[in-house]
Amino acid sequence: MPSVRVSAKALIVRQNQVLIIENHGPELFYTLPGGGQHYGENLIQTIERECREELNRAVAADAVDFHRDHSR
């Protein structure tokens, strides 16, 4: 059985601009803020926690607008 890891990403739009994060690793890439869900969290709590961690800002998520299931 494949393992399942639930994660959430935040689409933050302000004044018609989208916030993205620049990640440096072996290759440069861009992503939305977010990450893996902790046990007991709902998706909104995951998004809010990940934004605090990655952006050092409090974000109030109000809804989950898109959801997709996949496994590796």
PDB file of N, CA and C in Angstrom:
ATOM      1  N   MET A   1       0.842  -1.174   0.000  1.00  0.00           N
ATOM      2  CA  MET A   1       0.000   0.000   0.000  1.00  0.00           C
ATOM      3  C   MET A   1       0.894   1.246   0.000  1.00  0.00           C
ATOM      4  N   PRO A   2       0.604   2.222  -0.875  1.00  0.00           N
ATOM      5  CA  PRO A   2       1.420   3.434  -0.906  1.00  0.00           C
ATOM      6  C   PRO A   2       1.198   4.275   0.348  1.00  0.00           C
ATOM      7  N   SER A   3       2.248   4.999   0.750  1.00  0.00           N
ATOM      8  CA  SER A   3       2.102   5.891   1.895  1.00  0.00           C
ATOM      9  C   SER A   3       1.401   7.174   1.452  1.00  0.00           C
ATOM     10  N   VAL A   4       0.693   7.780   2.377  1.00  0.00           N
ATOM     11  CA  VAL A   4      -0.036   9.010   2.083  1.00  0.00           C
ATOM     12  C   VAL A   4       0.481  10.102   3.008  1.00  0.00           C
ATOM     13  N   ARG A   5       0.822  11.227   2.441  1.00  0.00           N
ATOM     14  CA  ARG A   5       1.251  12.396   3.213  1.00  0.00           C
ATOM     15  C   ARG A   5       0.368  13.560   2.806  1.00  0.00           C
ATOM     16  N   VAL A   6      -0.389  14.065   3.747  1.00  0.00           N
ATOM     17  CA  VAL A   6      -1.293  15.178   3.464  1.00  0.00           C
ATOM     18  C   VAL A   6      -0.517  16.480   3.611  1.00  0.00           C
ATOM     19  N   SER A   7      -0.668  17.348   2.636  1.00  0.00           N
ATOM     20  CA  SER A   7      -0.030  18.660   2.713  1.00  0.00           C
ATOM     21  C   SER A   7      -1.002  19.713   2.202  1.00  0.00           C
ATOM     22  N   ALA A   8      -0.690  20.961   2.469  1.00  0.00           N
ATOM     23  CA  ALA A   8      -1.540  22.071   2.052  1.00  0.00           C
ATOM     24  C   ALA A   8      -0.660  23.218   1.575  1.00  0.00           C
ATOM     25  N   LYS A   9      -1.133  23.937   0.582  1.00  0.00           N
ATOM     26  CA  LYS A   9      -0.447  25.115   0.056  1.00  0.00           C
ATOM     27  C   LYS A   9      -1.401  26.300   0.123  1.00  0.00           C
ATOM     28  N   ALA A  10      -0.846  27.489   0.303  1.00  0.00           N
ATOM     29  CA  ALA A  10      -1.651  28.706   0.382  1.00  0.00           C
ATOM     30  C   ALA A  10      -1.462  29.537  -0.882  1.00  0.00           C
ATOM     31  N   LEU A  11      -2.552  29.952  -1.466  1.00  0.00           N
ATOM     32  CA  LEU A  11      -2.513  30.896  -2.579  1.00  0.00           C
ATOM     33  C   LEU A  11      -2.862  32.258  -1.989  1.00  0.00           C
ATOM     34  N   ILE A  12      -1.849  33.096  -1.827  1.00  0.00           N
ATOM     35  CA  ILE A  12      -2.024  34.402  -1.192  1.00  0.00           C
ATOM     36  C   ILE A  12      -1.950  35.465  -2.278  1.00  0.00           C
ATOM     37  N   VAL A  13      -3.059  36.194  -2.445  1.00  0.00           N
ATOM     38  CA  VAL A  13      -3.154  37.231  -3.472  1.00  0.00           C
ATOM     39  C   VAL A  13      -3.428  38.562  -2.777  1.00  0.00           C
ATOM     40  N   ARG A  14      -2.626  39.549  -3.121  1.00  0.00           N
ATOM     41  CA  ARG A  14      -2.810  40.895  -2.573  1.00  0.00           C
ATOM     42  C   ARG A  14      -2.525  41.892  -3.677  1.00  0.00           C
ATOM     43  N   GLN A  15      -3.458  42.782  -3.918  1.00  0.00           N
ATOM     44  CA  GLN A  15      -3.339  43.791  -4.972  1.00  0.00           C
ATOM     45  C   GLN A  15      -2.962  43.144  -6.305  1.00  0.00           C
ATOM     46  N   ASN A  16      -3.652  42.066  -6.637  1.00  0.00           N
ATOM     47  CA  ASN A  16      -3.462  41.329  -7.891  1.00  0.00           C
ATOM     48  C   ASN A  16      -2.070  40.732  -8.053  1.00  0.00           C
ATOM     49  N   GLN A  17      -1.352  40.530  -6.954  1.00  0.00           N
ATOM     50  CA  GLN A  17      -0.046  39.878  -6.993  1.00  0.00           C
ATOM     51  C   GLN A  17      -0.102  38.612  -6.146  1.00  0.00           C
ATOM     52  N   VAL A  18       0.559  37.564  -6.623  1.00  0.00           N
ATOM     53  CA  VAL A  18       0.588  36.275  -5.934  1.00  0.00           C
ATOM     54  C   VAL A  18       1.922  36.125  -5.218  1.00  0.00           C
ATOM     55  N   LEU A  19       1.860  35.709  -3.952  1.00  0.00           N
ATOM     56  CA  LEU A  19       3.068  35.492  -3.170  1.00  0.00           C
ATOM     57  C   LEU A  19       3.623  34.104  -3.483  1.00  0.00           C
ATOM     58  N   ILE A  20       4.888  34.045  -3.874  1.00  0.00           N
ATOM     59  CA  ILE A  20       5.562  32.766  -4.100  1.00  0.00           C
ATOM     60  C   ILE A  20       6.866  32.755  -3.309  1.00  0.00           C
ATOM     61  N   ILE A  21       7.365  31.558  -3.049  1.00  0.00           N
ATOM     62  CA  ILE A  21       8.605  31.387  -2.301  1.00  0.00           C
ATOM     63  C   ILE A  21       9.673  30.864  -3.247  1.00  0.00           C
ATOM     64  N   GLU A  22      10.844  31.477  -3.188  1.00  0.00           N
ATOM     65  CA  GLU A  22      11.985  31.028  -3.978  1.00  0.00           C
ATOM     66  C   GLU A  22      12.767  30.011  -3.152  1.00  0.00           C
ATOM     67  N   ASN A  23      12.895  28.802  -3.655  1.00  0.00           N
ATOM     68  CA  ASN A  23      13.629  27.742  -2.965  1.00  0.00           C
ATOM     69  C   ASN A  23      14.953  27.482  -3.661  1.00  0.00           C
ATOM     70  N   HIS A  24      15.994  27.412  -2.862  1.00  0.00           N
ATOM     71  CA  HIS A  24      17.328  27.119  -3.384  1.00  0.00           C
ATOM     72  C   HIS A  24      17.714  25.722  -2.934  1.00  0.00           C
ATOM     73  N   GLY A  25      18.013  24.889  -3.849  1.00  0.00           N
ATOM     74  CA  GLY A  25      18.490  23.544  -3.568  1.00  0.00           C
ATOM     75  C   GLY A  25      19.458  23.206  -4.679  1.00  0.00           C
ATOM     76  N   PRO A  26      19.481  21.961  -5.095  1.00  0.00           N
ATOM     77  CA  PRO A  26      20.300  21.622  -6.258  1.00  0.00           C
ATOM     78  C   PRO A  26      19.897  22.458  -7.480  1.00  0.00           C
ATOM     79  N   GLU A  27      18.595  22.793  -7.539  1.00  0.00           N
ATOM     80  CA  GLU A  27      18.084  23.650  -8.606  1.00  0.00           C
ATOM     81  C   GLU A  27      17.168  24.696  -7.990  1.00  0.00           C
ATOM     82  N   LEU A  28      17.113  25.864  -8.596  1.00  0.00           N
ATOM     83  CA  LEU A  28      16.229  26.928  -8.150  1.00  0.00           C
ATOM     84  C   LEU A  28      14.812  26.610  -8.605  1.00  0.00           C
ATOM     85  N   PHE A  29      13.834  26.752  -7.707  1.00  0.00           N
ATOM     86  CA  PHE A  29      12.442  26.601  -8.097  1.00  0.00           C
ATOM     87  C   PHE A  29      11.570  27.473  -7.209  1.00  0.00           C
ATOM     88  N   TYR A  30      10.351  27.686  -7.646  1.00  0.00           N
ATOM     89  CA  TYR A  30       9.400  28.530  -6.932  1.00  0.00           C
ATOM     90  C   TYR A  30       8.199  27.689  -6.525  1.00  0.00           C
ATOM     91  N   THR A  31       7.627  28.022  -5.375  1.00  0.00           N
ATOM     92  CA  THR A  31       6.484  27.274  -4.872  1.00  0.00           C
ATOM     93  C   THR A  31       5.600  28.198  -4.044  1.00  0.00           C
ATOM     94  N   LEU A  32       4.429  27.725  -3.718  1.00  0.00           N
ATOM     95  CA  LEU A  32       3.542  28.437  -2.806  1.00  0.00           C
ATOM     96  C   LEU A  32       3.900  28.062  -1.378  1.00  0.00           C
ATOM     97  N   PRO A  33       3.648  28.940  -0.415  1.00  0.00           N
ATOM     98  CA  PRO A  33       3.912  28.574   0.976  1.00  0.00           C
ATOM     99  C   PRO A  33       2.992  27.436   1.411  1.00  0.00           C
ATOM    100  N   GLY A  34       3.528  26.552   2.220  1.00  0.00           N
ATOM    101  CA  GLY A  34       2.735  25.434   2.724  1.00  0.00           C
ATOM    102  C   GLY A  34       3.619  24.258   3.035  1.00  0.00           C
ATOM    103  N   GLY A  35       2.995  23.172   3.436  1.00  0.00           N
ATOM    104  CA  GLY A  35       3.760  21.983   3.776  1.00  0.00           C
ATOM    105  C   GLY A  35       2.885  20.906   4.368  1.00  0.00           C
ATOM    106  N   GLY A  36       3.528  19.968   5.043  1.00  0.00           N
ATOM    107  CA  GLY A  36       2.859  18.779   5.540  1.00  0.00           C
ATOM    108  C   GLY A  36       1.966  19.021   6.741  1.00  0.00           C
ATOM    109  N   GLN A  37       0.880  18.275   6.762  1.00  0.00           N
ATOM    110  CA  GLN A  37      -0.093  18.360   7.846  1.00  0.00           C
ATOM    111  C   GLN A  37       0.400  17.592   9.063  1.00  0.00           C
ATOM    112  N   HIS A  38       0.283  18.193  10.240  1.00  0.00           N
ATOM    113  CA  HIS A  38       0.602  17.521  11.495  1.00  0.00           C
ATOM    114  C   HIS A  38      -0.619  16.756  11.994  1.00  0.00           C
ATOM    115  N   TYR A  39      -0.375  15.712  12.760  1.00  0.00           N
ATOM    116  CA  TYR A  39      -1.460  14.910  13.315  1.00  0.00           C
ATOM    117  C   TYR A  39      -2.415  15.805  14.110  1.00  0.00           C
ATOM    118  N   GLY A  40      -3.699  15.677  13.849  1.00  0.00           N
ATOM    119  CA  GLY A  40      -4.719  16.427  14.576  1.00  0.00           C
ATOM    120  C   GLY A  40      -5.078  17.768  13.965  1.00  0.00           C
ATOM    121  N   GLU A  41      -4.333  18.224  12.959  1.00  0.00           N
ATOM    122  CA  GLU A  41      -4.635  19.502  12.310  1.00  0.00           C
ATOM    123  C   GLU A  41      -5.645  19.300  11.193  1.00  0.00           C
ATOM    124  N   ASN A  42      -6.464  20.325  10.955  1.00  0.00           N
ATOM    125  CA  ASN A  42      -7.241  20.343   9.722  1.00  0.00           C
ATOM    126  C   ASN A  42      -6.428  21.135   8.694  1.00  0.00           C
ATOM    127  N   LEU A  43      -6.893  21.192   7.458  1.00  0.00           N
ATOM    128  CA  LEU A  43      -6.098  21.837   6.403  1.00  0.00           C
ATOM    129  C   LEU A  43      -5.907  23.331   6.639  1.00  0.00           C
ATOM    130  N   ILE A  44      -6.894  23.995   7.185  1.00  0.00           N
ATOM    131  CA  ILE A  44      -6.750  25.424   7.466  1.00  0.00           C
ATOM    132  C   ILE A  44      -5.682  25.652   8.523  1.00  0.00           C
ATOM    133  N   GLN A  45      -5.667  24.840   9.567  1.00  0.00           N
ATOM    134  CA  GLN A  45      -4.630  24.959  10.597  1.00  0.00           C
ATOM    135  C   GLN A  45      -3.245  24.687  10.017  1.00  0.00           C
ATOM    136  N   THR A  46      -3.161  23.730   9.104  1.00  0.00           N
ATOM    137  CA  THR A  46      -1.885  23.432   8.449  1.00  0.00           C
ATOM    138  C   THR A  46      -1.381  24.639   7.671  1.00  0.00           C
ATOM    139  N   ILE A  47      -2.254  25.254   6.889  1.00  0.00           N
ATOM    140  CA  ILE A  47      -1.866  26.424   6.097  1.00  0.00           C
ATOM    141  C   ILE A  47      -1.416  27.566   7.004  1.00  0.00           C
ATOM    142  N   GLU A  48      -2.170  27.827   8.058  1.00  0.00           N
ATOM    143  CA  GLU A  48      -1.810  28.927   8.963  1.00  0.00           C
ATOM    144  C   GLU A  48      -0.463  28.672   9.642  1.00  0.00           C
ATOM    145  N   ARG A  49      -0.222  27.448  10.104  1.00  0.00           N
ATOM    146  CA  ARG A  49       1.044  27.119  10.763  1.00  0.00           C
ATOM    147  C   ARG A  49       2.208  27.218   9.784  1.00  0.00           C
ATOM    148  N   GLU A  50       2.046  26.651   8.610  1.00  0.00           N
ATOM    149  CA  GLU A  50       3.124  26.678   7.620  1.00  0.00           C
ATOM    150  C   GLU A  50       3.460  28.108   7.196  1.00  0.00           C
ATOM    151  N   CYS A  51       2.465  28.971   7.061  1.00  0.00           N
ATOM    152  CA  CYS A  51       2.737  30.368   6.709  1.00  0.00           C
ATOM    153  C   CYS A  51       3.488  31.071   7.832  1.00  0.00           C
ATOM    154  N   ARG A  52       3.127  30.789   9.089  1.00  0.00           N
ATOM    155  CA  ARG A  52       3.889  31.368  10.213  1.00  0.00           C
ATOM    156  C   ARG A  52       5.342  30.918  10.147  1.00  0.00           C
ATOM    157  N   GLU A  53       5.562  29.635   9.863  1.00  0.00           N
ATOM    158  CA  GLU A  53       6.920  29.092   9.818  1.00  0.00           C
ATOM    159  C   GLU A  53       7.722  29.636   8.638  1.00  0.00           C
ATOM    160  N   GLU A  54       7.119  29.682   7.467  1.00  0.00           N
ATOM    161  CA  GLU A  54       7.854  30.029   6.250  1.00  0.00           C
ATOM    162  C   GLU A  54       7.925  31.530   5.989  1.00  0.00           C
ATOM    163  N   LEU A  55       6.899  32.264   6.393  1.00  0.00           N
ATOM    164  CA  LEU A  55       6.830  33.691   6.085  1.00  0.00           C
ATOM    165  C   LEU A  55       7.052  34.575   7.302  1.00  0.00           C
ATOM    166  N   ASN A  56       7.044  33.962   8.477  1.00  0.00           N
ATOM    167  CA  ASN A  56       7.137  34.709   9.732  1.00  0.00           C
ATOM    168  C   ASN A  56       6.023  35.744   9.831  1.00  0.00           C
ATOM    169  N   ARG A  57       4.845  35.352   9.359  1.00  0.00           N
ATOM    170  CA  ARG A  57       3.664  36.213   9.373  1.00  0.00           C
ATOM    171  C   ARG A  57       2.451  35.375   9.746  1.00  0.00           C
ATOM    172  N   ALA A  58       1.521  36.000  10.447  1.00  0.00           N
ATOM    173  CA  ALA A  58       0.249  35.340  10.739  1.00  0.00           C
ATOM    174  C   ALA A  58      -0.658  35.487   9.521  1.00  0.00           C
ATOM    175  N   VAL A  59      -1.248  34.392   9.109  1.00  0.00           N
ATOM    176  CA  VAL A  59      -2.173  34.373   7.985  1.00  0.00           C
ATOM    177  C   VAL A  59      -3.465  33.739   8.469  1.00  0.00           C
ATOM    178  N   ALA A  60      -4.586  34.356   8.146  1.00  0.00           N
ATOM    179  CA  ALA A  60      -5.885  33.793   8.508  1.00  0.00           C
ATOM    180  C   ALA A  60      -6.489  33.151   7.264  1.00  0.00           C
ATOM    181  N   ALA A  61      -6.465  31.841   7.218  1.00  0.00           N
ATOM    182  CA  ALA A  61      -7.066  31.116   6.098  1.00  0.00           C
ATOM    183  C   ALA A  61      -8.561  30.993   6.363  1.00  0.00           C
ATOM    184  N   ASP A  62      -9.366  31.244   5.341  1.00  0.00           N
ATOM    185  CA  ASP A  62     -10.804  31.206   5.565  1.00  0.00           C
ATOM    186  C   ASP A  62     -11.506  30.045   4.884  1.00  0.00           C
ATOM    187  N   ALA A  63     -10.838  29.385   3.960  1.00  0.00           N
ATOM    188  CA  ALA A  63     -11.497  28.288   3.256  1.00  0.00           C
ATOM    189  C   ALA A  63     -10.471  27.425   2.536  1.00  0.00           C
ATOM    190  N   VAL A  64     -10.867  26.202   2.271  1.00  0.00           N
ATOM    191  CA  VAL A  64     -10.095  25.314   1.404  1.00  0.00           C
ATOM    192  C   VAL A  64     -10.849  25.297   0.080  1.00  0.00           C
ATOM    193  N   ASP A  65     -10.258  25.902  -0.935  1.00  0.00           N
ATOM    194  CA  ASP A  65     -10.941  26.053  -2.214  1.00  0.00           C
ATOM    195  C   ASP A  65     -10.623  24.951  -3.213  1.00  0.00           C
ATOM    196  N   PHE A  66      -9.542  24.229  -2.998  1.00  0.00           N
ATOM    197  CA  PHE A  66      -9.142  23.190  -3.939  1.00  0.00           C
ATOM    198  C   PHE A  66      -8.547  22.049  -3.144  1.00  0.00           C
ATOM    199  N   HIS A  67      -8.897  20.847  -3.527  1.00  0.00           N
ATOM    200  CA  HIS A  67      -8.393  19.671  -2.825  1.00  0.00           C
ATOM    201  C   HIS A  67      -8.085  18.593  -3.857  1.00  0.00           C
ATOM    202  N   ARG A  68      -6.939  17.926  -3.698  1.00  0.00           N
ATOM    203  CA  ARG A  68      -6.572  16.850  -4.618  1.00  0.00           C
ATOM    204  C   ARG A  68      -5.903  15.751  -3.814  1.00  0.00           C
ATOM    205  N   ASP A  69      -6.275  14.521  -4.065  1.00  0.00           N
ATOM    206  CA  ASP A  69      -5.644  13.369  -3.426  1.00  0.00           C
ATOM    207  C   ASP A  69      -4.673  12.724  -4.403  1.00  0.00           C
ATOM    208  N   HIS A  70      -3.502  12.360  -3.906  1.00  0.00           N
ATOM    209  CA  HIS A  70      -2.561  11.598  -4.725  1.00  0.00           C
ATOM    210  C   HIS A  70      -1.649  10.821  -3.806  1.00  0.00           C
ATOM    211  N   SER A  71      -1.032   9.809  -4.328  1.00  0.00           N
ATOM    212  CA  SER A  71      -0.081   9.015  -3.540  1.00  0.00           C
ATOM    213  C   SER A  71       1.152   8.769  -4.388  1.00  0.00           C
ATOM    214  N   ARG A  72       2.230   8.396  -3.712  1.00  0.00           N
ATOM    215  CA  ARG A  72       3.483   8.116  -4.427  1.00  0.00           C
ATOM    216  C   ARG A  72       3.626   6.637  -4.637  1.00  0.00           C
TER     217      ARG A  72
END
